[in-house]
Amino acid sequence: MTTPLTTRRVGPVLATLLMLLTVFGPISMDLYLPVLPALTDELGATTSAAQLTVTACLIGLAVGQVIAGPLSDRFGRRGPLIIGTIAYVITSALCALSPSIELLILARLVQGLAGAVGIVIAQAAGRDVYEGGALIRYYGRLTVLGGLAAIVGPLIGGQLARFTDWRGLFFFLAGIGAVLLVAVLIIFGETLPSQLRTSGGLKQTGRDFRTLLADRLFLGAVLVSGFVNAALFAYLSGATYILQGIYGLSPQEYSLAFGLNSAGFMVFGYVAGRAAERWSERGTLVIGIVMTAIGALGLLATGLWNLSLWVVIVSLLIMVSGVAVTSPPTTSLALANYPQLAGTASSVLGCTRFGFGGIAAPLVGLGGACTVLPLGIVTVVSVVLAVIAQIALVGARRPRPEISLSSNGDAVLVQES
């Protein structure tokens, strides 16, 4: 492995800021969901059009990472992060001021693009300042914080909705962005020295992507992560209709079930980070896939034989926790050997997670909202594809390509290790 040139020292303040940058995605996605019906009524929109505000943000979060990652490898982490955070503040305010559903959808798309910068920089900068066991622990903490944000987002949104409308919630998001912008300006120093940056414009970016995708382990880790997250997004899309519509849970009871799953996500994400560090990345990944498969099969069985509510709740908990277990090892396996391309590698990983999730989420609704079967089918198919990627690409121990920098700063393949 090529030896990274950066100094592996980072204080708790910077570490905390890096992890907080990951809240852009989940907070942007679900903070305003409790007031989505009110938003629909005020703007005179259809339910499907209002739901497009969620989809638009999801697309932005996926595409934005592909753009921000290579830019951060070329120009450093700090500049793109500052620009992205400023854009997030502005677009969040524009969401609050949108006079029509069409303009809100457009603003949400751009908000997602801007929010993606924080996500990809958090992962890439973590790769800049951590290595070895500390890097795995860091990715485990990112998983935990993502689960925490998933819990806090709807709860904060629901509480704020007692005092303000949906426009006020978007102003709240703008405020979060402003606070993080100040923190970035004060705390975040450049983590990628100029001698480690890539150069060469779009052609070099294309070569960087080809270098990454030619690595079977990188590709396998990315695909496994994408497929298990497809199951997770299917759950997020279909669980509310299943638990409230089919099993008759009240909104409060649903929030408890949602909180239970998010708590499982946090706990198992933390445990997985420790296990991957102290035991085995690949072994931890296999356990996560098995857990996800057990949960998905439970949902499929419920759809086929109309099993009880407790089977659904336990199956969702096991599946969501399994996805959390896969997150630290897949992130570490994908990024650990690419210090010079950490931004680009992180962008591929993040885009795949959100992209596959965006494809899976609407599929759950194709079979209607009166049965668990569509969710069971989508999650089982997702896990089967993850298993195939694991066996074909991750499980086989093949040499990994190593990269270094040429005299002009381009990333090049130098050896096999």
Protein backbone atom coordinates (compact mmCIF):
# COMPACT_ATOMS: atom_id res chain seq x y z
CA MET A 1 0.00 0.00 0.00
CA THR A 2 1.24 3.48 -0.72
CA THR A 3 1.97 5.46 2.42
CA PRO A 4 -0.31 8.46 2.91
CA LEU A 5 1.56 11.73 3.28
CA THR A 6 -0.92 13.47 5.54
CA THR A 7 -0.41 13.69 9.28
CA ARG A 8 -2.84 11.44 11.08
CA ARG A 9 -3.73 13.78 13.93
CA VAL A 10 -7.15 15.25 14.47
CA GLY A 11 -8.66 16.86 17.54
CA PRO A 12 -12.12 16.17 18.96
CA VAL A 13 -13.52 19.48 17.69
CA LEU A 14 -12.67 18.75 14.06
CA ALA A 15 -13.77 15.13 14.44
CA THR A 16 -17.14 16.31 15.77
CA LEU A 17 -17.56 18.78 12.91
CA LEU A 18 -16.78 16.12 10.32
CA MET A 19 -19.43 13.84 11.77
CA LEU A 20 -21.99 16.64 12.01
CA LEU A 21 -21.59 17.27 8.29
CA THR A 22 -23.32 13.95 7.72
CA VAL A 23 -26.62 15.33 9.07
CA PHE A 24 -27.17 17.26 5.82
CA GLY A 25 -28.70 14.23 4.11
CA PRO A 26 -31.10 12.70 6.66
CA ILE A 27 -32.13 16.05 8.17
CA SER A 28 -32.87 17.50 4.74
CA MET A 29 -34.83 14.41 3.77
CA ASP A 30 -37.19 13.94 6.69
CA LEU A 31 -37.42 17.03 8.91
CA TYR A 32 -40.47 18.39 7.11
CA LEU A 33 -42.30 15.09 6.58
CA PRO A 34 -44.75 15.72 9.48
CA VAL A 35 -46.04 18.83 7.68
CA LEU A 36 -46.04 17.40 4.16
CA PRO A 37 -49.88 17.19 4.06
CA ALA A 38 -50.14 20.85 5.11
CA LEU A 39 -47.59 21.80 2.46
CA THR A 40 -49.66 19.95 -0.12
CA ASP A 41 -52.83 21.82 0.82
CA GLU A 42 -51.26 25.28 0.97
CA LEU A 43 -49.61 24.99 -2.44
CA GLY A 44 -52.66 23.34 -4.00
CA ALA A 45 -50.59 20.36 -5.08
CA THR A 46 -51.40 16.71 -5.58
CA THR A 47 -50.01 14.13 -3.18
CA SER A 48 -47.74 12.71 -5.88
CA ALA A 49 -46.37 16.17 -6.69
CA ALA A 50 -45.66 16.83 -3.03
CA GLN A 51 -43.84 13.51 -2.77
CA LEU A 52 -41.64 14.65 -5.64
CA THR A 53 -40.11 17.16 -3.22
CA VAL A 54 -38.66 14.16 -1.38
CA THR A 55 -37.55 12.45 -4.59
CA ALA A 56 -35.93 15.63 -5.90
CA CYS A 57 -33.83 15.97 -2.76
CA LEU A 58 -32.85 12.31 -2.97
CA ILE A 59 -31.72 12.72 -6.58
CA GLY A 60 -29.75 15.81 -5.63
CA LEU A 61 -28.02 13.99 -2.79
CA ALA A 62 -26.99 11.21 -5.18
CA VAL A 63 -25.86 13.32 -8.15
CA GLY A 64 -24.26 15.99 -5.99
CA GLN A 65 -21.81 13.52 -4.50
CA VAL A 66 -20.56 12.48 -7.93
CA ILE A 67 -19.86 16.14 -8.68
CA ALA A 68 -18.42 17.16 -5.31
CA GLY A 69 -16.15 14.15 -4.81
CA PRO A 70 -13.86 14.62 -7.82
CA LEU A 71 -13.83 18.40 -7.29
CA SER A 72 -12.62 17.91 -3.72
CA ASP A 73 -9.85 15.58 -4.93
CA ARG A 74 -8.68 18.24 -7.35
CA PHE A 75 -9.18 21.50 -5.42
CA GLY A 76 -9.06 20.30 -1.81
CA ARG A 77 -11.81 19.75 0.73
CA ARG A 78 -12.25 23.19 2.29
CA GLY A 79 -13.19 25.28 -0.76
CA PRO A 80 -15.91 22.96 -2.12
CA LEU A 81 -17.27 22.48 1.41
CA ILE A 82 -17.62 26.22 2.00
CA ILE A 83 -19.31 26.73 -1.38
CA GLY A 84 -21.63 23.78 -0.83
CA THR A 85 -22.62 24.96 2.67
CA ILE A 86 -23.37 28.49 1.43
CA ALA A 87 -25.48 27.02 -1.37
CA TYR A 88 -27.31 24.85 1.17
CA VAL A 89 -28.23 27.86 3.29
CA ILE A 90 -29.49 29.81 0.26
CA THR A 91 -31.49 26.96 -1.25
CA SER A 92 -33.06 26.06 2.11
CA ALA A 93 -34.28 29.65 2.35
CA LEU A 94 -35.56 29.45 -1.23
CA CYS A 95 -37.50 26.30 -0.29
CA ALA A 96 -39.16 28.27 2.50
CA LEU A 97 -40.08 31.10 0.12
CA SER A 98 -41.28 28.94 -2.78
CA PRO A 99 -44.69 30.14 -4.05
CA SER A 100 -45.51 26.95 -5.98
CA ILE A 101 -44.89 23.23 -5.83
CA GLU A 102 -42.89 23.37 -9.07
CA LEU A 103 -40.42 25.89 -7.68
CA LEU A 104 -40.22 23.95 -4.42
CA ILE A 105 -39.32 20.76 -6.28
CA LEU A 106 -36.57 22.62 -8.15
CA ALA A 107 -35.27 24.20 -4.95
CA ARG A 108 -35.27 20.81 -3.23
CA LEU A 109 -33.20 19.36 -6.07
CA VAL A 110 -30.58 22.07 -5.66
CA GLN A 111 -30.76 21.72 -1.87
CA GLY A 112 -29.91 18.05 -2.28
CA LEU A 113 -27.01 18.88 -4.59
CA ALA A 114 -25.63 21.30 -2.01
CA GLY A 115 -26.25 18.97 0.92
CA ALA A 116 -24.35 16.19 -0.84
CA VAL A 117 -21.14 18.18 -0.48
CA GLY A 118 -21.20 17.82 3.30
CA ILE A 119 -21.76 14.08 3.09
CA VAL A 120 -18.95 13.37 0.64
CA ILE A 121 -16.47 15.72 2.34
CA ALA A 122 -17.17 14.11 5.73
CA GLN A 123 -16.17 10.71 4.34
CA ALA A 124 -13.26 11.94 2.22
CA ALA A 125 -11.79 14.21 4.91
CA GLY A 126 -12.10 11.35 7.36
CA ARG A 127 -9.95 9.30 4.99
CA ASP A 128 -7.47 12.19 4.91
CA VAL A 129 -6.97 12.35 8.67
CA TYR A 130 -7.57 8.77 9.83
CA GLU A 131 -6.17 5.39 8.92
CA GLY A 132 -6.29 1.81 10.15
CA GLY A 133 -8.50 1.10 13.13
CA ALA A 134 -9.22 4.79 13.70
CA LEU A 135 -10.63 5.03 10.17
CA ILE A 136 -12.99 2.10 10.75
CA ARG A 137 -14.13 3.57 14.09
CA TYR A 138 -14.78 6.88 12.36
CA TYR A 139 -16.99 5.27 9.72
CA GLY A 140 -18.81 3.41 12.47
CA ARG A 141 -19.55 6.71 14.18
CA LEU A 142 -20.82 8.16 10.91
CA THR A 143 -23.28 5.27 10.74
CA VAL A 144 -24.42 5.91 14.31
CA LEU A 145 -24.88 9.63 13.68
CA GLY A 146 -26.85 8.90 10.51
CA GLY A 147 -29.23 6.74 12.52
CA LEU A 148 -29.50 9.42 15.20
CA ALA A 149 -30.33 12.05 12.58
CA ALA A 150 -33.04 9.75 11.20
CA ILE A 151 -34.61 9.68 14.68
CA VAL A 152 -34.13 13.34 15.51
CA GLY A 153 -35.29 14.69 12.14
CA PRO A 154 -38.97 13.71 12.25
CA LEU A 155 -39.17 14.28 16.00
CA ILE A 156 -37.78 17.81 15.73
CA GLY A 157 -40.00 18.46 12.73
CA GLY A 158 -43.06 17.30 14.61
CA GLN A 159 -42.25 19.48 17.62
CA LEU A 160 -41.44 22.54 15.52
CA ALA A 161 -44.71 22.05 13.63
CA ARG A 162 -46.49 23.00 16.88
CA PHE A 163 -45.03 26.51 16.58
CA THR A 164 -44.43 27.08 12.88
CA ASP A 165 -45.50 25.94 9.42
CA TRP A 166 -43.58 24.07 6.74
CA ARG A 167 -41.88 27.27 5.62
CA GLY A 168 -40.53 27.73 9.13
CA LEU A 169 -39.04 24.22 9.01
CA PHE A 170 -37.08 25.08 5.89
CA PHE A 171 -35.84 28.27 7.55
CA PHE A 172 -34.76 26.02 10.43
CA LEU A 173 -32.72 23.96 7.92
CA ALA A 174 -31.17 27.18 6.63
CA GLY A 175 -30.24 28.00 10.22
CA ILE A 176 -28.56 24.61 10.67
CA GLY A 177 -26.60 25.24 7.49
CA ALA A 178 -25.57 28.71 8.71
CA VAL A 179 -24.29 27.33 12.02
CA LEU A 180 -22.29 24.65 10.21
CA LEU A 181 -20.94 27.27 7.79
CA VAL A 182 -19.58 29.32 10.69
CA ALA A 183 -18.09 26.17 12.22
CA VAL A 184 -16.45 25.23 8.92
CA LEU A 185 -14.93 28.70 8.51
CA ILE A 186 -13.52 28.63 12.03
CA ILE A 187 -12.57 24.99 12.54
CA PHE A 188 -12.10 23.23 9.22
CA GLY A 189 -8.59 23.56 7.86
CA GLU A 190 -7.59 21.96 4.60
CA THR A 191 -7.13 18.19 5.09
CA LEU A 192 -5.83 17.36 1.61
CA PRO A 193 -2.40 18.90 0.91
CA SER A 194 -1.79 20.23 -2.58
CA GLN A 195 0.82 17.55 -3.34
CA LEU A 196 -1.83 14.86 -2.87
CA ARG A 197 -4.45 16.39 -5.14
CA THR A 198 -5.28 15.12 -8.59
CA SER A 199 -5.24 17.24 -11.73
CA GLY A 200 -6.12 16.97 -15.39
CA GLY A 201 -9.76 18.05 -15.58
CA LEU A 202 -12.59 15.90 -16.88
CA LYS A 203 -10.33 13.41 -18.66
CA GLN A 204 -8.42 12.68 -15.47
CA THR A 205 -11.69 12.43 -13.54
CA GLY A 206 -12.84 9.80 -16.03
CA ARG A 207 -9.59 7.91 -15.56
CA ASP A 208 -10.00 8.11 -11.79
CA PHE A 209 -13.48 6.60 -12.01
CA ARG A 210 -12.14 3.81 -14.26
CA THR A 211 -9.32 3.13 -11.79
CA LEU A 212 -11.82 2.71 -8.97
CA LEU A 213 -14.31 0.60 -10.90
CA ALA A 214 -11.52 -1.68 -12.15
CA ASP A 215 -10.85 -2.65 -8.53
CA ARG A 216 -13.12 -5.63 -7.92
CA LEU A 217 -13.08 -5.17 -4.14
CA PHE A 218 -14.02 -1.50 -4.42
CA LEU A 219 -16.79 -2.31 -6.89
CA GLY A 220 -18.06 -5.15 -4.73
CA ALA A 221 -18.15 -3.02 -1.57
CA VAL A 222 -20.00 -0.27 -3.42
CA LEU A 223 -22.56 -2.67 -4.90
CA VAL A 224 -23.17 -4.44 -1.60
CA SER A 225 -23.70 -1.09 0.08
CA GLY A 226 -26.02 0.07 -2.69
CA PHE A 227 -28.17 -3.07 -2.67
CA VAL A 228 -28.63 -3.24 1.12
CA ASN A 229 -29.45 0.46 1.17
CA ALA A 230 -32.05 -0.21 -1.52
CA ALA A 231 -33.73 -2.48 1.04
CA LEU A 232 -33.44 0.29 3.64
CA PHE A 233 -35.04 2.92 1.38
CA ALA A 234 -37.79 0.46 0.48
CA TYR A 235 -38.52 0.20 4.21
CA LEU A 236 -38.57 4.00 4.58
CA SER A 237 -40.95 4.27 1.64
CA GLY A 238 -43.36 1.49 2.59
CA ALA A 239 -43.30 1.10 6.36
CA THR A 240 -45.70 3.94 7.16
CA TYR A 241 -48.39 2.49 4.87
CA ILE A 242 -47.88 -1.02 6.22
CA LEU A 243 -47.76 -0.24 9.93
CA GLN A 244 -50.50 2.40 9.92
CA GLY A 245 -52.64 1.35 6.96
CA ILE A 246 -52.56 -2.44 7.29
CA TYR A 247 -51.90 -2.99 10.99
CA GLY A 248 -53.70 0.11 12.23
CA LEU A 249 -50.95 1.70 14.31
CA SER A 250 -51.57 5.26 15.42
CA PRO A 251 -49.04 7.94 14.42
CA GLN A 252 -47.61 7.77 17.94
CA GLU A 253 -47.28 3.98 17.81
CA TYR A 254 -45.70 4.24 14.37
CA SER A 255 -43.17 6.76 15.69
CA LEU A 256 -42.26 4.29 18.43
CA ALA A 257 -41.70 1.52 15.87
CA PHE A 258 -39.68 3.91 13.72
CA GLY A 259 -37.65 4.95 16.75
CA LEU A 260 -36.98 1.31 17.66
CA ASN A 261 -35.57 0.61 14.19
CA SER A 262 -33.48 3.76 14.23
CA ALA A 263 -32.13 2.83 17.67
CA GLY A 264 -31.21 -0.59 16.28
CA PHE A 265 -29.48 1.13 13.38
CA MET A 266 -27.39 3.23 15.79
CA VAL A 267 -26.48 0.43 18.18
CA PHE A 268 -25.54 -2.09 15.52
CA GLY A 269 -23.70 0.53 13.48
CA TYR A 270 -21.51 1.24 16.49
CA VAL A 271 -20.97 -2.45 17.23
CA ALA A 272 -20.12 -3.12 13.59
CA GLY A 273 -17.47 -0.42 13.60
CA ARG A 274 -15.78 -2.01 16.61
CA ALA A 275 -16.12 -5.53 15.18
CA ALA A 276 -14.69 -4.53 11.81
CA GLU A 277 -11.72 -2.91 13.55
CA ARG A 278 -10.95 -5.66 16.07
CA TRP A 279 -12.09 -8.76 14.22
CA SER A 280 -12.65 -8.67 10.45
CA GLU A 281 -14.08 -6.23 7.94
CA ARG A 282 -15.21 -8.99 5.59
CA GLY A 283 -16.59 -11.10 8.43
CA THR A 284 -18.57 -8.17 9.81
CA LEU A 285 -19.91 -7.47 6.33
CA VAL A 286 -21.12 -11.05 5.94
CA ILE A 287 -22.94 -10.86 9.29
CA GLY A 288 -24.64 -7.67 8.19
CA ILE A 289 -25.80 -9.22 4.93
CA VAL A 290 -27.13 -12.30 6.76
CA MET A 291 -29.07 -10.09 9.21
CA THR A 292 -30.52 -8.06 6.34
CA ALA A 293 -31.52 -11.28 4.58
CA ILE A 294 -33.27 -12.67 7.67
CA GLY A 295 -35.30 -9.49 8.05
CA ALA A 296 -36.20 -9.39 4.36
CA LEU A 297 -37.31 -13.02 4.39
CA GLY A 298 -39.49 -12.27 7.40
CA LEU A 299 -41.22 -9.51 5.45
CA LEU A 300 -41.67 -11.78 2.43
CA ALA A 301 -43.14 -14.51 4.63
CA THR A 302 -45.53 -11.96 6.15
CA GLY A 303 -46.66 -10.91 2.69
CA LEU A 304 -47.26 -14.50 1.65
CA TRP A 305 -49.00 -15.77 4.78
CA ASN A 306 -50.36 -12.65 6.53
CA LEU A 307 -48.29 -13.06 9.68
CA SER A 308 -48.75 -10.94 12.79
CA LEU A 309 -47.61 -7.38 13.50
CA TRP A 310 -44.81 -8.58 15.74
CA VAL A 311 -43.25 -10.53 12.87
CA VAL A 312 -43.20 -7.35 10.81
CA ILE A 313 -41.69 -5.25 13.60
CA VAL A 314 -38.99 -7.81 14.43
CA SER A 315 -38.23 -8.37 10.73
CA LEU A 316 -37.85 -4.62 10.13
CA LEU A 317 -35.61 -4.26 13.18
CA ILE A 318 -33.33 -7.11 12.09
CA MET A 319 -33.18 -5.86 8.50
CA VAL A 320 -32.45 -2.23 9.40
CA SER A 321 -29.83 -3.28 11.96
CA GLY A 322 -28.24 -5.53 9.33
CA VAL A 323 -27.93 -2.60 6.93
CA ALA A 324 -26.19 -0.65 9.71
CA VAL A 325 -23.74 -3.52 10.25
CA THR A 326 -22.73 -3.44 6.58
CA SER A 327 -22.04 0.30 6.55
CA PRO A 328 -18.65 0.61 8.35
CA PRO A 329 -16.95 -2.33 6.56
CA THR A 330 -18.22 -1.41 3.09
CA THR A 331 -17.11 2.20 3.55
CA SER A 332 -13.70 1.17 4.86
CA LEU A 333 -13.15 -1.45 2.14
CA ALA A 334 -14.11 1.07 -0.54
CA LEU A 335 -12.01 4.01 0.67
CA ALA A 336 -9.09 2.64 2.68
CA ASN A 337 -6.68 2.10 -0.22
CA TYR A 338 -7.46 5.31 -2.11
CA PRO A 339 -6.12 8.28 -0.14
CA GLN A 340 -5.58 10.38 -3.28
CA LEU A 341 -9.04 9.57 -4.62
CA ALA A 342 -10.98 9.57 -1.36
CA GLY A 343 -13.42 12.21 -2.60
CA THR A 344 -14.11 10.44 -5.88
CA ALA A 345 -14.39 7.05 -4.16
CA SER A 346 -16.73 8.47 -1.54
CA SER A 347 -18.89 10.05 -4.24
CA VAL A 348 -19.33 6.72 -6.01
CA LEU A 349 -20.26 5.06 -2.74
CA GLY A 350 -22.73 7.76 -1.74
CA CYS A 351 -24.30 8.06 -5.17
CA THR A 352 -24.84 4.30 -5.28
CA ARG A 353 -26.49 4.28 -1.86
CA PHE A 354 -28.90 7.08 -2.64
CA GLY A 355 -29.33 6.09 -6.29
CA PHE A 356 -30.22 2.46 -5.62
CA GLY A 357 -32.44 3.63 -2.77
CA GLY A 358 -34.20 6.06 -5.08
CA ILE A 359 -34.91 3.25 -7.54
CA ALA A 360 -36.18 0.83 -4.88
CA ALA A 361 -38.39 3.23 -2.92
CA PRO A 362 -41.16 3.73 -5.51
CA LEU A 363 -41.21 0.02 -6.42
CA VAL A 364 -42.81 -0.75 -3.06
CA GLY A 365 -45.91 1.20 -4.05
CA LEU A 366 -46.48 -0.62 -7.34
CA GLY A 367 -48.42 -3.42 -5.66
CA GLY A 368 -50.64 -1.06 -3.69
CA ALA A 369 -50.69 -0.13 -0.02
CA CYS A 370 -52.81 -3.05 1.23
CA THR A 371 -50.18 -5.77 1.42
CA VAL A 372 -46.67 -6.34 2.78
CA LEU A 373 -45.75 -8.49 -0.22
CA PRO A 374 -44.26 -5.71 -2.44
CA LEU A 375 -41.93 -4.64 0.38
CA GLY A 376 -40.95 -8.27 0.97
CA ILE A 377 -40.18 -8.84 -2.70
CA VAL A 378 -38.16 -5.64 -3.14
CA THR A 379 -36.09 -6.24 -0.01
CA VAL A 380 -35.42 -9.91 -0.79
CA VAL A 381 -34.35 -9.12 -4.37
CA SER A 382 -32.07 -6.39 -3.05
CA VAL A 383 -30.43 -8.76 -0.59
CA VAL A 384 -30.01 -11.49 -3.22
CA LEU A 385 -28.16 -8.99 -5.42
CA ALA A 386 -26.02 -7.97 -2.43
CA VAL A 387 -25.15 -11.63 -1.80
CA ILE A 388 -24.12 -12.07 -5.45
CA ALA A 389 -21.87 -9.00 -5.26
CA GLN A 390 -20.40 -10.22 -1.97
CA ILE A 391 -19.57 -13.69 -3.30
CA ALA A 392 -18.35 -12.61 -6.74
CA LEU A 393 -16.38 -9.49 -5.84
CA VAL A 394 -15.77 -9.05 -2.12
CA GLY A 395 -15.42 -12.62 -0.88
CA ALA A 396 -12.61 -13.59 -3.23
CA ARG A 397 -9.30 -12.24 -1.95
CA ARG A 398 -7.68 -10.76 -5.02
CA PRO A 399 -4.81 -8.28 -5.24
CA ARG A 400 -5.91 -4.69 -4.98
CA PRO A 401 -4.57 -2.03 -7.32
CA GLU A 402 -2.54 0.67 -5.62
CA ILE A 403 -2.38 4.25 -6.80
CA SER A 404 0.13 7.00 -6.44
CA LEU A 405 0.65 10.42 -7.97
CA SER A 406 2.60 11.13 -11.12
CA SER A 407 4.87 14.16 -11.42
CA ASN A 408 1.98 16.31 -12.62
CA GLY A 409 -0.30 15.23 -9.77
CA ASP A 410 -2.43 12.69 -11.64
CA ALA A 411 -3.50 9.50 -9.89
CA VAL A 412 -1.94 6.48 -11.59
CA LEU A 413 -1.86 2.72 -11.02
CA VAL A 414 1.59 1.77 -9.73
CA GLN A 415 1.46 -1.76 -8.35
CA GLU A 416 -0.55 -4.68 -7.06
CA SER A 417 -0.45 -5.52 -3.37
